[in-house]
């Protein structure tokens, strides 16, 4: 698929068919996720993968806040990927000889939380790779607030140094998600309301 078509077709899918995804497509999606940009080439992200009904059920059981009736379509997705940000990896990377002079000794010293940014880049590559494979993707939060994260980590034995930035359900779109191009559900903001050239 042409890159422009991948970008144009990417949108959040909330209703999936339960058909399994070929293993080679799963591996291609995960390989693409590792190719995102990374500050200092830290690669401070990891992925918790749930594949097939037994594993994805474990994920949904650990999710602390969703109503099964509200997420019925997403629960049919045969693949869930949880991107995890690793702040301490970035702090450690910027203590090495080639980076120490920059002065980033703690997470608070970074001009932006690159561990979240880089993990979000990886998440976008997952979503785009899904579209390229004629699949759909749905990125959603682990909980309504950060207070639910510790319980989720504990349920899935995720070490405290890793922060789940959300989860991505992936699968073949269900019948209700086959929206014709240009429909009201697919309209986006006009460029001149978003893009500021030269000044605000």
N, C-alpha and C. Protein backbone atom coordinates (compact mmCIF):
# COMPACT_ATOMS: atom_id res chain seq x y z
N UNK A 1 0.85 -1.19 0.00
CA UNK A 1 0.00 0.00 0.00
C UNK A 1 0.88 1.25 0.00
N UNK A 2 0.53 2.26 -0.76
CA UNK A 2 1.27 3.51 -0.79
C UNK A 2 1.20 4.19 0.57
N UNK A 3 2.30 4.86 0.95
CA UNK A 3 2.36 5.49 2.27
C UNK A 3 1.22 6.50 2.46
N UNK A 4 0.94 7.30 1.43
CA UNK A 4 -0.13 8.30 1.55
C UNK A 4 -1.47 7.63 1.82
N UNK A 5 -1.69 6.46 1.24
CA UNK A 5 -2.94 5.73 1.48
C UNK A 5 -3.01 5.20 2.90
N UNK A 6 -1.86 4.74 3.41
CA UNK A 6 -1.81 4.25 4.80
C UNK A 6 -2.20 5.37 5.75
N UNK A 7 -1.61 6.55 5.56
CA UNK A 7 -1.90 7.69 6.44
C UNK A 7 -3.36 8.10 6.31
N UNK A 8 -3.86 8.15 5.09
CA UNK A 8 -5.24 8.59 4.87
C UNK A 8 -6.24 7.61 5.48
N UNK A 9 -5.95 6.33 5.42
CA UNK A 9 -6.90 5.32 5.89
C UNK A 9 -6.83 5.08 7.40
N UNK A 10 -5.77 5.56 8.05
CA UNK A 10 -5.63 5.30 9.47
C UNK A 10 -6.69 6.03 10.29
N UNK A 11 -7.43 5.30 11.08
CA UNK A 11 -8.40 5.87 12.03
C UNK A 11 -8.63 4.81 13.10
N UNK A 12 -9.26 5.20 14.19
CA UNK A 12 -9.48 4.26 15.28
C UNK A 12 -10.67 3.35 14.97
N UNK A 13 -10.44 2.06 15.09
CA UNK A 13 -11.46 1.03 14.86
C UNK A 13 -11.88 0.49 16.23
N UNK A 14 -13.17 0.47 16.50
CA UNK A 14 -13.64 0.00 17.81
C UNK A 14 -14.42 -1.31 17.74
N UNK A 15 -14.60 -1.82 16.54
CA UNK A 15 -15.34 -3.07 16.38
C UNK A 15 -14.53 -3.98 15.46
N UNK A 16 -14.20 -5.16 15.96
CA UNK A 16 -13.32 -6.06 15.24
C UNK A 16 -13.98 -7.40 14.96
N UNK A 17 -13.49 -8.03 13.92
CA UNK A 17 -13.78 -9.43 13.65
C UNK A 17 -12.78 -10.24 14.49
N UNK A 18 -13.15 -11.43 14.89
CA UNK A 18 -12.27 -12.23 15.75
C UNK A 18 -11.29 -13.11 14.97
N UNK A 19 -11.26 -12.98 13.64
CA UNK A 19 -10.33 -13.78 12.84
C UNK A 19 -8.90 -13.59 13.30
N UNK A 20 -8.12 -14.67 13.42
CA UNK A 20 -6.72 -14.51 13.82
C UNK A 20 -5.90 -13.78 12.77
N UNK A 21 -4.85 -13.13 13.21
CA UNK A 21 -3.93 -12.42 12.32
C UNK A 21 -2.78 -13.37 11.99
N UNK A 22 -2.40 -13.49 10.72
CA UNK A 22 -1.26 -14.36 10.39
C UNK A 22 -0.02 -13.98 11.20
N UNK A 23 0.71 -14.96 11.73
CA UNK A 23 1.89 -14.67 12.58
C UNK A 23 2.90 -13.74 11.92
N UNK A 24 3.09 -13.86 10.61
CA UNK A 24 4.08 -13.01 9.96
C UNK A 24 3.65 -11.54 9.97
N UNK A 25 2.35 -11.29 9.96
CA UNK A 25 1.88 -9.90 10.05
C UNK A 25 2.07 -9.35 11.46
N UNK A 26 1.84 -10.19 12.46
CA UNK A 26 2.09 -9.76 13.84
C UNK A 26 3.56 -9.39 14.01
N UNK A 27 4.44 -10.24 13.50
CA UNK A 27 5.87 -9.98 13.64
C UNK A 27 6.29 -8.73 12.87
N UNK A 28 5.68 -8.49 11.71
CA UNK A 28 6.01 -7.29 10.94
C UNK A 28 5.59 -6.03 11.69
N UNK A 29 4.43 -6.07 12.34
CA UNK A 29 3.96 -4.92 13.12
C UNK A 29 4.91 -4.65 14.28
N UNK A 30 5.32 -5.69 14.98
CA UNK A 30 6.22 -5.52 16.12
C UNK A 30 7.61 -5.05 15.67
N UNK A 31 8.06 -5.54 14.52
CA UNK A 31 9.36 -5.10 14.00
C UNK A 31 9.32 -3.61 13.64
N UNK A 32 8.21 -3.17 13.04
CA UNK A 32 8.09 -1.76 12.69
C UNK A 32 8.08 -0.88 13.93
N UNK A 33 7.47 -1.35 15.02
CA UNK A 33 7.40 -0.58 16.25
C UNK A 33 8.78 -0.25 16.80
N UNK A 34 9.74 -1.10 16.52
CA UNK A 34 11.09 -0.90 17.04
C UNK A 34 11.91 0.07 16.20
N UNK A 35 11.35 0.55 15.10
CA UNK A 35 12.09 1.41 14.18
C UNK A 35 11.83 2.90 14.40
N UNK A 36 11.06 3.24 15.44
CA UNK A 36 10.75 4.64 15.67
C UNK A 36 11.94 5.43 16.16
N UNK A 37 11.87 6.77 16.04
CA UNK A 37 12.95 7.60 16.55
C UNK A 37 13.04 7.50 18.07
N UNK A 38 14.25 7.72 18.57
CA UNK A 38 14.49 7.54 20.00
C UNK A 38 15.58 8.50 20.45
N UNK A 39 15.28 9.35 21.41
CA UNK A 39 16.24 10.33 21.91
C UNK A 39 17.50 9.62 22.41
N UNK A 40 18.65 10.03 21.87
CA UNK A 40 19.91 9.41 22.27
C UNK A 40 20.00 7.96 21.86
N UNK A 41 19.12 7.52 20.97
CA UNK A 41 18.99 6.11 20.59
C UNK A 41 18.86 5.23 21.83
N UNK A 42 18.11 5.76 22.80
CA UNK A 42 17.91 5.05 24.06
C UNK A 42 17.07 3.79 23.86
N UNK A 43 16.09 3.88 22.97
CA UNK A 43 15.15 2.78 22.76
C UNK A 43 14.47 2.38 24.07
N UNK A 44 14.04 3.41 24.79
CA UNK A 44 13.45 3.21 26.12
C UNK A 44 11.98 2.85 26.07
N UNK A 45 11.66 1.86 25.28
CA UNK A 45 10.27 1.38 25.22
C UNK A 45 10.29 -0.14 25.08
N UNK A 46 9.25 -0.77 25.58
CA UNK A 46 9.07 -2.21 25.43
C UNK A 46 7.60 -2.46 25.15
N UNK A 47 7.26 -3.69 24.80
CA UNK A 47 5.89 -4.00 24.37
C UNK A 47 5.42 -5.29 25.05
N UNK A 48 4.26 -5.21 25.65
CA UNK A 48 3.60 -6.38 26.22
C UNK A 48 2.54 -6.81 25.20
N UNK A 49 2.66 -8.03 24.71
CA UNK A 49 1.84 -8.50 23.59
C UNK A 49 0.91 -9.62 24.04
N UNK A 50 -0.36 -9.48 23.70
CA UNK A 50 -1.37 -10.49 23.98
C UNK A 50 -1.96 -10.95 22.66
N UNK A 51 -1.79 -12.22 22.34
CA UNK A 51 -2.21 -12.73 21.03
C UNK A 51 -3.11 -13.94 21.23
N UNK A 52 -4.28 -13.91 20.62
CA UNK A 52 -5.22 -15.01 20.73
C UNK A 52 -6.17 -14.81 21.91
N UNK A 53 -7.29 -15.52 21.88
CA UNK A 53 -8.37 -15.31 22.84
C UNK A 53 -7.94 -15.51 24.29
N UNK A 54 -7.13 -16.51 24.55
CA UNK A 54 -6.73 -16.77 25.95
C UNK A 54 -5.89 -15.63 26.50
N UNK A 55 -4.93 -15.16 25.73
CA UNK A 55 -4.07 -14.08 26.21
C UNK A 55 -4.80 -12.74 26.27
N UNK A 56 -5.60 -12.43 25.26
CA UNK A 56 -6.30 -11.14 25.29
C UNK A 56 -7.32 -11.10 26.42
N UNK A 57 -7.89 -12.25 26.78
CA UNK A 57 -8.81 -12.28 27.93
C UNK A 57 -8.07 -11.90 29.21
N UNK A 58 -6.83 -12.31 29.33
CA UNK A 58 -6.01 -11.95 30.49
C UNK A 58 -5.81 -10.44 30.54
N UNK A 59 -5.58 -9.83 29.38
CA UNK A 59 -5.44 -8.38 29.33
C UNK A 59 -6.73 -7.70 29.80
N UNK A 60 -7.87 -8.09 29.22
CA UNK A 60 -9.14 -7.44 29.56
C UNK A 60 -9.50 -7.64 31.03
N UNK A 61 -9.15 -8.79 31.59
CA UNK A 61 -9.40 -9.03 33.03
C UNK A 61 -8.58 -8.09 33.90
N UNK A 62 -7.39 -7.72 33.41
CA UNK A 62 -6.50 -6.84 34.18
C UNK A 62 -6.86 -5.36 34.03
N UNK A 63 -7.58 -5.02 32.96
CA UNK A 63 -7.93 -3.62 32.73
C UNK A 63 -8.90 -3.16 33.82
N UNK A 64 -8.57 -2.09 34.53
CA UNK A 64 -9.32 -1.78 35.75
C UNK A 64 -10.62 -0.99 35.59
N UNK A 65 -11.03 -0.63 34.38
CA UNK A 65 -12.13 0.33 34.35
C UNK A 65 -13.16 0.14 33.25
N UNK A 66 -12.99 -0.75 32.32
CA UNK A 66 -13.93 -0.80 31.20
C UNK A 66 -15.16 -1.65 31.51
N UNK A 67 -16.27 -1.23 30.96
CA UNK A 67 -17.51 -1.99 31.02
C UNK A 67 -17.51 -2.97 29.84
N UNK A 68 -17.62 -4.29 30.09
CA UNK A 68 -17.60 -5.25 28.98
C UNK A 68 -18.61 -4.93 27.87
N UNK A 69 -19.76 -4.38 28.24
CA UNK A 69 -20.76 -4.05 27.22
C UNK A 69 -20.28 -2.92 26.31
N UNK A 70 -19.51 -1.97 26.88
CA UNK A 70 -19.03 -0.83 26.11
C UNK A 70 -17.86 -1.20 25.21
N UNK A 71 -17.16 -2.28 25.53
CA UNK A 71 -15.95 -2.64 24.79
C UNK A 71 -16.11 -3.97 24.05
N UNK A 72 -17.34 -4.41 23.83
CA UNK A 72 -17.58 -5.73 23.22
C UNK A 72 -16.89 -5.85 21.87
N UNK A 73 -16.96 -4.81 21.05
CA UNK A 73 -16.33 -4.86 19.73
C UNK A 73 -14.82 -4.94 19.81
N UNK A 74 -14.22 -4.16 20.71
CA UNK A 74 -12.76 -4.18 20.87
C UNK A 74 -12.28 -5.50 21.46
N UNK A 75 -13.09 -6.11 22.31
CA UNK A 75 -12.70 -7.38 22.94
C UNK A 75 -12.58 -8.52 21.94
N UNK A 76 -13.13 -8.36 20.76
CA UNK A 76 -12.99 -9.39 19.74
C UNK A 76 -11.64 -9.32 19.02
N UNK A 77 -10.91 -8.22 19.19
CA UNK A 77 -9.61 -8.08 18.51
C UNK A 77 -8.68 -9.21 18.95
N UNK A 78 -8.02 -9.88 18.01
CA UNK A 78 -7.17 -11.01 18.36
C UNK A 78 -5.77 -10.64 18.83
N UNK A 79 -5.46 -9.33 18.81
CA UNK A 79 -4.12 -8.88 19.19
C UNK A 79 -4.22 -7.60 20.00
N UNK A 80 -3.56 -7.57 21.14
CA UNK A 80 -3.44 -6.37 21.97
C UNK A 80 -1.96 -6.12 22.21
N UNK A 81 -1.53 -4.89 21.99
CA UNK A 81 -0.14 -4.50 22.27
C UNK A 81 -0.17 -3.34 23.26
N UNK A 82 0.57 -3.48 24.35
CA UNK A 82 0.69 -2.42 25.35
C UNK A 82 2.10 -1.83 25.25
N UNK A 83 2.25 -0.59 24.73
CA UNK A 83 3.57 0.04 24.69
C UNK A 83 3.93 0.58 26.08
N UNK A 84 5.14 0.30 26.49
CA UNK A 84 5.60 0.66 27.84
C UNK A 84 6.79 1.61 27.76
N UNK A 85 6.67 2.75 28.45
CA UNK A 85 7.75 3.74 28.49
C UNK A 85 8.66 3.48 29.69
N UNK A 86 9.95 3.74 29.50
CA UNK A 86 10.95 3.42 30.52
C UNK A 86 11.80 4.66 30.81
N UNK A 87 11.31 5.49 31.73
CA UNK A 87 11.98 6.77 32.03
C UNK A 87 13.42 6.57 32.48
N UNK A 88 13.65 5.62 33.37
CA UNK A 88 15.00 5.46 33.93
C UNK A 88 16.02 5.06 32.86
N UNK A 89 15.58 4.45 31.77
CA UNK A 89 16.51 4.12 30.68
C UNK A 89 17.04 5.40 30.05
N UNK A 90 16.19 6.42 29.91
CA UNK A 90 16.62 7.69 29.34
C UNK A 90 17.57 8.42 30.29
N UNK A 91 17.25 8.40 31.59
CA UNK A 91 18.12 9.05 32.57
C UNK A 91 19.49 8.38 32.55
N UNK A 92 19.52 7.06 32.52
CA UNK A 92 20.79 6.34 32.49
C UNK A 92 21.57 6.63 31.20
N UNK A 93 20.87 6.70 30.08
CA UNK A 93 21.54 6.97 28.80
C UNK A 93 22.23 8.31 28.82
N UNK A 94 21.60 9.31 29.46
CA UNK A 94 22.18 10.65 29.47
C UNK A 94 23.19 10.87 30.59
N UNK A 95 23.55 9.79 31.26
CA UNK A 95 24.68 9.83 32.19
C UNK A 95 25.94 9.27 31.55
N UNK A 96 25.83 8.70 30.36
CA UNK A 96 26.99 8.11 29.70
C UNK A 96 27.90 9.21 29.17
N UNK A 97 29.16 8.83 28.86
CA UNK A 97 30.19 9.81 28.53
C UNK A 97 29.81 10.74 27.40
N UNK A 98 29.15 10.24 26.38
CA UNK A 98 28.84 11.09 25.22
C UNK A 98 27.64 12.01 25.43
N UNK A 99 26.91 11.83 26.55
CA UNK A 99 25.71 12.64 26.78
C UNK A 99 25.73 13.41 28.10
N UNK A 100 26.62 13.08 29.01
CA UNK A 100 26.58 13.64 30.36
C UNK A 100 26.68 15.17 30.38
N UNK A 101 27.42 15.75 29.44
CA UNK A 101 27.61 17.21 29.43
C UNK A 101 26.31 17.97 29.20
N UNK A 102 25.29 17.30 28.67
CA UNK A 102 24.00 17.96 28.43
C UNK A 102 23.35 18.35 29.75
N UNK A 103 23.59 17.59 30.82
CA UNK A 103 23.10 17.96 32.14
C UNK A 103 21.76 17.38 32.54
N UNK A 104 21.33 16.31 31.92
CA UNK A 104 20.05 15.67 32.27
C UNK A 104 20.31 14.55 33.28
N UNK A 105 20.23 14.91 34.54
CA UNK A 105 20.56 13.94 35.61
C UNK A 105 19.34 13.23 36.17
N UNK A 106 18.17 13.83 35.99
CA UNK A 106 16.92 13.20 36.43
C UNK A 106 15.88 13.41 35.34
N UNK A 107 14.76 12.73 35.46
CA UNK A 107 13.70 12.91 34.49
C UNK A 107 13.22 14.34 34.41
N UNK A 108 13.27 15.06 35.53
CA UNK A 108 12.81 16.45 35.57
C UNK A 108 13.70 17.38 34.75
N UNK A 109 14.94 16.96 34.43
CA UNK A 109 15.86 17.79 33.66
C UNK A 109 15.58 17.76 32.16
N UNK A 110 14.77 16.82 31.70
CA UNK A 110 14.49 16.72 30.27
C UNK A 110 13.50 17.81 29.86
N UNK A 111 13.72 18.45 28.72
CA UNK A 111 12.81 19.53 28.30
C UNK A 111 11.41 19.02 27.95
N UNK A 112 11.28 17.73 27.72
CA UNK A 112 10.00 17.08 27.49
C UNK A 112 10.17 15.62 27.90
N UNK A 113 9.10 14.93 28.26
CA UNK A 113 9.23 13.52 28.69
C UNK A 113 9.44 12.61 27.49
N UNK A 114 10.70 12.51 27.04
CA UNK A 114 11.00 11.78 25.81
C UNK A 114 10.62 10.31 25.89
N UNK A 115 10.57 9.74 27.11
CA UNK A 115 10.19 8.34 27.25
C UNK A 115 8.74 8.13 26.78
N UNK A 116 7.88 9.11 27.05
CA UNK A 116 6.50 9.03 26.55
C UNK A 116 6.43 9.35 25.06
N UNK A 117 7.19 10.35 24.63
CA UNK A 117 7.16 10.76 23.23
C UNK A 117 7.65 9.62 22.34
N UNK A 118 8.79 9.04 22.69
CA UNK A 118 9.34 7.98 21.86
C UNK A 118 8.45 6.73 21.86
N UNK A 119 7.83 6.44 22.98
CA UNK A 119 6.92 5.29 23.04
C UNK A 119 5.67 5.57 22.21
N UNK A 120 5.23 6.84 22.20
CA UNK A 120 4.09 7.21 21.36
C UNK A 120 4.44 7.11 19.87
N UNK A 121 5.69 7.46 19.51
CA UNK A 121 6.13 7.26 18.12
C UNK A 121 5.99 5.78 17.75
N UNK A 122 6.43 4.91 18.66
CA UNK A 122 6.34 3.47 18.41
C UNK A 122 4.88 3.04 18.26
N UNK A 123 4.01 3.61 19.09
CA UNK A 123 2.58 3.28 19.01
C UNK A 123 2.00 3.69 17.66
N UNK A 124 2.41 4.85 17.14
CA UNK A 124 1.92 5.28 15.84
C UNK A 124 2.41 4.34 14.74
N UNK A 125 3.64 3.87 14.85
CA UNK A 125 4.13 2.92 13.86
C UNK A 125 3.33 1.62 13.90
N UNK A 126 2.90 1.21 15.08
CA UNK A 126 2.05 0.03 15.21
C UNK A 126 0.73 0.27 14.48
N UNK A 127 0.11 1.42 14.70
CA UNK A 127 -1.17 1.74 14.07
C UNK A 127 -1.04 1.81 12.54
N UNK A 128 0.03 2.45 12.05
CA UNK A 128 0.23 2.56 10.61
C UNK A 128 0.54 1.20 9.99
N UNK A 129 1.31 0.38 10.70
CA UNK A 129 1.64 -0.94 10.19
C UNK A 129 0.41 -1.82 10.11
N UNK A 130 -0.51 -1.64 11.06
CA UNK A 130 -1.76 -2.39 11.02
C UNK A 130 -2.55 -2.03 9.77
N UNK A 131 -2.66 -0.74 9.47
CA UNK A 131 -3.38 -0.30 8.27
C UNK A 131 -2.71 -0.86 7.02
N UNK A 132 -1.38 -0.84 6.99
CA UNK A 132 -0.64 -1.35 5.84
C UNK A 132 -0.93 -2.83 5.58
N UNK A 133 -1.31 -3.55 6.65
CA UNK A 133 -1.63 -4.97 6.53
C UNK A 133 -3.13 -5.20 6.36
N UNK A 134 -3.87 -4.12 6.03
CA UNK A 134 -5.34 -4.19 5.88
C UNK A 134 -6.03 -4.60 7.17
N UNK A 135 -5.46 -4.17 8.29
CA UNK A 135 -6.04 -4.39 9.61
C UNK A 135 -6.49 -3.05 10.18
N UNK A 136 -7.19 -3.09 11.29
CA UNK A 136 -7.58 -1.88 11.99
C UNK A 136 -6.91 -1.83 13.34
N UNK A 137 -6.79 -0.64 13.90
CA UNK A 137 -6.19 -0.47 15.22
C UNK A 137 -7.00 0.49 16.07
N UNK A 138 -6.97 0.27 17.36
CA UNK A 138 -7.70 1.11 18.32
C UNK A 138 -6.80 1.36 19.52
N UNK A 139 -6.32 2.60 19.65
CA UNK A 139 -5.51 3.00 20.80
C UNK A 139 -6.43 3.51 21.89
N UNK A 140 -6.26 3.03 23.13
CA UNK A 140 -7.11 3.49 24.22
C UNK A 140 -6.31 3.48 25.53
N UNK A 141 -6.84 4.21 26.51
CA UNK A 141 -6.11 4.36 27.77
C UNK A 141 -6.31 3.16 28.69
N UNK A 142 -5.36 2.98 29.59
CA UNK A 142 -5.43 1.88 30.56
C UNK A 142 -6.49 2.17 31.62
N UNK A 143 -6.62 3.42 31.99
CA UNK A 143 -7.61 3.79 32.99
C UNK A 143 -8.02 5.23 32.79
N UNK A 144 -9.09 5.67 33.46
CA UNK A 144 -9.51 7.06 33.31
C UNK A 144 -8.53 8.05 33.92
N UNK A 145 -7.72 7.59 34.89
CA UNK A 145 -6.69 8.44 35.51
C UNK A 145 -5.43 7.60 35.70
N UNK A 146 -4.37 8.25 36.15
CA UNK A 146 -3.13 7.52 36.44
C UNK A 146 -3.26 6.61 37.67
N UNK A 147 -4.30 6.82 38.46
CA UNK A 147 -4.45 6.03 39.69
C UNK A 147 -4.72 4.55 39.42
N UNK A 148 -5.20 4.24 38.22
CA UNK A 148 -5.48 2.84 37.90
C UNK A 148 -4.25 2.07 37.43
N UNK A 149 -3.18 2.79 37.09
CA UNK A 149 -2.00 2.14 36.51
C UNK A 149 -1.36 1.13 37.46
N UNK A 150 -1.15 1.46 38.75
CA UNK A 150 -0.51 0.47 39.63
C UNK A 150 -1.25 -0.87 39.69
N UNK A 151 -2.57 -0.83 39.70
CA UNK A 151 -3.34 -2.08 39.76
C UNK A 151 -3.15 -2.89 38.48
N UNK A 152 -3.11 -2.19 37.35
CA UNK A 152 -2.89 -2.87 36.07
C UNK A 152 -1.50 -3.50 36.04
N UNK A 153 -0.50 -2.74 36.48
CA UNK A 153 0.87 -3.27 36.52
C UNK A 153 0.93 -4.52 37.39
N UNK A 154 0.31 -4.42 38.56
CA UNK A 154 0.36 -5.55 39.50
C UNK A 154 -0.31 -6.79 38.90
N UNK A 155 -1.45 -6.61 38.25
CA UNK A 155 -2.19 -7.75 37.70
C UNK A 155 -1.38 -8.48 36.63
N UNK A 156 -0.56 -7.73 35.89
CA UNK A 156 0.21 -8.35 34.80
C UNK A 156 1.69 -8.45 35.12
N UNK A 157 2.05 -8.18 36.37
CA UNK A 157 3.43 -8.30 36.85
C UNK A 157 4.40 -7.44 36.04
N UNK A 158 3.97 -6.23 35.71
CA UNK A 158 4.82 -5.28 34.99
C UNK A 158 5.68 -4.55 36.02
N UNK A 159 7.00 -4.54 35.88
CA UNK A 159 7.86 -3.83 36.84
C UNK A 159 7.49 -2.34 36.92
N UNK A 160 7.65 -1.76 38.09
CA UNK A 160 7.25 -0.38 38.32
C UNK A 160 7.99 0.63 37.43
N UNK A 161 9.17 0.28 36.93
CA UNK A 161 9.92 1.23 36.10
C UNK A 161 9.32 1.38 34.71
N UNK A 162 8.37 0.54 34.35
CA UNK A 162 7.74 0.62 33.03
C UNK A 162 6.34 1.21 33.18
N UNK A 163 6.04 2.20 32.34
CA UNK A 163 4.75 2.87 32.40
C UNK A 163 3.95 2.57 31.14
N UNK A 164 2.80 1.90 31.27
CA UNK A 164 1.97 1.63 30.09
C UNK A 164 1.28 2.90 29.62
N UNK A 165 1.59 3.36 28.42
CA UNK A 165 1.00 4.62 27.94
C UNK A 165 -0.41 4.42 27.37
N UNK A 166 -0.84 3.19 27.26
CA UNK A 166 -2.14 2.86 26.70
C UNK A 166 -2.08 1.45 26.17
N UNK A 167 -3.06 1.09 25.36
CA UNK A 167 -3.08 -0.23 24.73
C UNK A 167 -3.62 -0.07 23.32
N UNK A 168 -3.22 -0.99 22.45
CA UNK A 168 -3.66 -0.97 21.06
C UNK A 168 -4.29 -2.31 20.71
N UNK A 169 -5.58 -2.28 20.38
CA UNK A 169 -6.26 -3.47 19.89
C UNK A 169 -6.09 -3.50 18.37
N UNK A 170 -5.78 -4.67 17.82
CA UNK A 170 -5.54 -4.80 16.38
C UNK A 170 -6.29 -6.02 15.85
N UNK A 171 -6.90 -5.85 14.69
CA UNK A 171 -7.59 -6.96 14.05
C UNK A 171 -8.26 -6.51 12.78
N UNK A 172 -9.00 -7.41 12.18
CA UNK A 172 -9.77 -7.08 10.98
C UNK A 172 -11.00 -6.28 11.40
N UNK A 173 -11.27 -5.16 10.73
CA UNK A 173 -12.44 -4.35 11.11
C UNK A 173 -13.74 -5.13 10.97
N UNK A 174 -14.64 -4.92 11.95
CA UNK A 174 -15.97 -5.50 11.88
C UNK A 174 -16.83 -4.77 10.87
N UNK A 175 -17.97 -5.33 10.56
CA UNK A 175 -18.86 -4.78 9.53
C UNK A 175 -19.23 -3.33 9.80
N UNK A 176 -19.45 -2.97 11.06
CA UNK A 176 -19.89 -1.61 11.40
C UNK A 176 -18.81 -0.57 11.18
N UNK A 177 -17.55 -1.01 11.01
CA UNK A 177 -16.44 -0.07 10.85
C UNK A 177 -16.08 0.19 9.41
N UNK A 178 -16.78 -0.38 8.48
CA UNK A 178 -16.46 -0.17 7.07
C UNK A 178 -17.16 1.08 6.57
N UNK A 179 -16.53 2.22 6.87
CA UNK A 179 -17.12 3.54 6.59
C UNK A 179 -16.68 4.02 5.21
N UNK A 180 -17.61 4.47 4.39
CA UNK A 180 -17.21 4.98 3.08
C UNK A 180 -16.37 6.25 3.20
N UNK A 181 -15.36 6.42 2.34
CA UNK A 181 -14.53 7.63 2.39
C UNK A 181 -15.36 8.89 2.29
N UNK A 182 -14.99 9.91 3.06
CA UNK A 182 -15.67 11.20 2.99
C UNK A 182 -16.95 11.28 3.79
N UNK A 183 -17.28 10.21 4.54
CA UNK A 183 -18.50 10.24 5.35
C UNK A 183 -18.29 11.21 6.51
N UNK A 184 -19.39 11.73 7.14
CA UNK A 184 -19.24 12.68 8.24
C UNK A 184 -18.33 12.19 9.36
N UNK A 185 -18.31 10.87 9.59
CA UNK A 185 -17.49 10.32 10.66
C UNK A 185 -16.00 10.45 10.35
N UNK A 186 -15.67 10.69 9.08
CA UNK A 186 -14.27 10.74 8.67
C UNK A 186 -13.78 12.17 8.44
N UNK A 187 -14.56 13.19 8.76
CA UNK A 187 -14.16 14.57 8.50
C UNK A 187 -13.13 15.06 9.52
N UNK A 188 -12.20 15.84 9.04
CA UNK A 188 -11.14 16.36 9.89
C UNK A 188 -11.13 17.88 9.85
N UNK A 189 -10.47 18.48 10.83
CA UNK A 189 -10.37 19.94 10.88
C UNK A 189 -9.69 20.48 9.63
N UNK A 190 -10.08 21.68 9.23
CA UNK A 190 -9.46 22.32 8.07
C UNK A 190 -8.02 22.70 8.40
N UNK A 191 -7.08 22.55 7.45
CA UNK A 191 -5.67 22.85 7.73
C UNK A 191 -5.44 24.25 8.30
N UNK A 192 -6.19 25.26 7.82
CA UNK A 192 -5.93 26.62 8.29
C UNK A 192 -6.37 26.85 9.73
N UNK A 193 -7.04 25.88 10.35
CA UNK A 193 -7.37 26.00 11.76
C UNK A 193 -6.32 25.30 12.65
N UNK A 194 -5.34 24.64 12.01
CA UNK A 194 -4.34 23.87 12.74
C UNK A 194 -2.92 24.39 12.48
N UNK A 195 -2.65 24.78 11.24
CA UNK A 195 -1.28 25.11 10.82
C UNK A 195 -1.05 26.61 10.90
N UNK A 196 0.01 27.01 11.61
CA UNK A 196 0.38 28.42 11.78
C UNK A 196 1.74 28.63 11.11
N UNK A 197 1.80 29.43 10.09
CA UNK A 197 3.01 29.59 9.29
C UNK A 197 3.74 30.88 9.64
N UNK A 198 4.97 30.73 10.12
CA UNK A 198 5.81 31.90 10.39
C UNK A 198 5.57 32.52 11.75
N UNK A 199 4.34 32.52 12.24
CA UNK A 199 4.01 33.02 13.59
C UNK A 199 2.63 32.48 13.94
N UNK A 200 2.21 32.70 15.18
CA UNK A 200 0.90 32.18 15.59
C UNK A 200 -0.22 33.00 14.98
